[in-house]
Amino acid sequence: MDLFPLVPPTAPTCPPNSSYSLCVSSCPETCLGTGGPPGCEDVCVEGCECNPGFILSDDKCVPLGCC
């Protein structure tokens, strides 16, 4: 008897204009520049990243021309 049925994991919900991936940059490109904050070590992390044509501004993905 299986007490814990196998349920496939679901991807987390990402904010608007972004999508979930198993490998995103830990130092994403932002309106302030590329490579994240000074000293940021770029490694592969699981999470949300801005969709093509969008860039991170504070905690939101905005169109590239809106920085």
Protein backbone atom coordinates (compact mmCIF):
# COMPACT_ATOMS: atom_id res chain seq x y z
CA MET A 1 0.00 0.00 0.00
CA ASP A 2 1.42 3.36 -1.06
CA LEU A 3 0.84 6.00 1.63
CA PHE A 4 2.36 8.80 -0.44
CA PRO A 5 1.25 8.66 -4.08
CA LEU A 6 3.77 9.97 -6.56
CA VAL A 7 2.72 13.40 -7.74
CA PRO A 8 4.86 14.99 -10.42
CA PRO A 9 6.36 18.29 -9.30
CA THR A 10 4.96 21.43 -10.86
CA ALA A 11 7.00 24.46 -11.84
CA PRO A 12 6.59 27.46 -9.56
CA THR A 13 4.52 30.38 -10.75
CA CYS A 14 6.70 33.20 -12.04
CA PRO A 15 5.91 36.92 -12.13
CA PRO A 16 4.54 38.45 -15.36
CA ASN A 17 6.92 38.51 -18.35
CA SER A 18 9.12 35.77 -16.89
CA SER A 19 9.34 32.00 -17.01
CA TYR A 20 10.68 29.17 -14.87
CA SER A 21 13.86 27.28 -15.74
CA LEU A 22 16.04 24.70 -14.00
CA CYS A 23 19.14 26.75 -14.85
CA VAL A 24 19.15 30.55 -14.85
CA SER A 25 21.94 33.01 -14.12
CA SER A 26 22.39 33.95 -10.47
CA CYS A 27 23.57 37.37 -11.77
CA PRO A 28 20.84 38.37 -14.23
CA GLU A 29 21.08 41.34 -16.57
CA THR A 30 19.23 44.32 -15.10
CA CYS A 31 18.43 47.90 -16.06
CA LEU A 32 21.53 48.84 -14.06
CA GLY A 33 23.82 46.71 -16.22
CA THR A 34 24.91 43.18 -17.01
CA GLY A 35 26.26 40.59 -14.64
CA GLY A 36 24.36 41.57 -11.50
CA PRO A 37 25.84 43.49 -8.57
CA PRO A 38 29.64 43.90 -8.25
CA GLY A 39 31.27 40.69 -7.09
CA CYS A 40 28.30 38.53 -8.11
CA GLU A 41 29.43 34.96 -8.82
CA ASP A 42 27.49 33.76 -11.86
CA VAL A 43 26.31 30.20 -11.28
CA CYS A 44 23.40 28.14 -12.56
CA VAL A 45 20.39 28.28 -10.23
CA GLU A 46 16.79 27.13 -10.46
CA GLY A 47 14.24 29.93 -10.74
CA CYS A 48 12.46 32.51 -12.86
CA GLU A 49 14.08 34.64 -15.54
CA CYS A 50 12.81 37.44 -17.74
CA ASN A 51 11.38 36.43 -21.11
CA PRO A 52 13.18 37.53 -24.31
CA GLY A 53 12.66 41.26 -24.87
CA PHE A 54 12.36 41.96 -21.13
CA ILE A 55 14.91 42.94 -18.49
CA LEU A 56 14.92 42.92 -14.69
CA SER A 57 14.12 46.25 -13.03
CA ASP A 58 14.00 45.98 -9.24
CA ASP A 59 11.96 42.77 -8.88
CA LYS A 60 9.93 43.05 -12.13
CA CYS A 61 10.61 42.15 -15.76
CA VAL A 62 10.01 45.22 -17.92
CA PRO A 63 10.33 45.78 -21.69
CA LEU A 64 13.93 46.54 -22.71
CA GLY A 65 13.06 50.13 -23.67
CA CYS A 66 11.53 50.95 -20.26
CA CYS A 67 14.72 51.19 -18.19
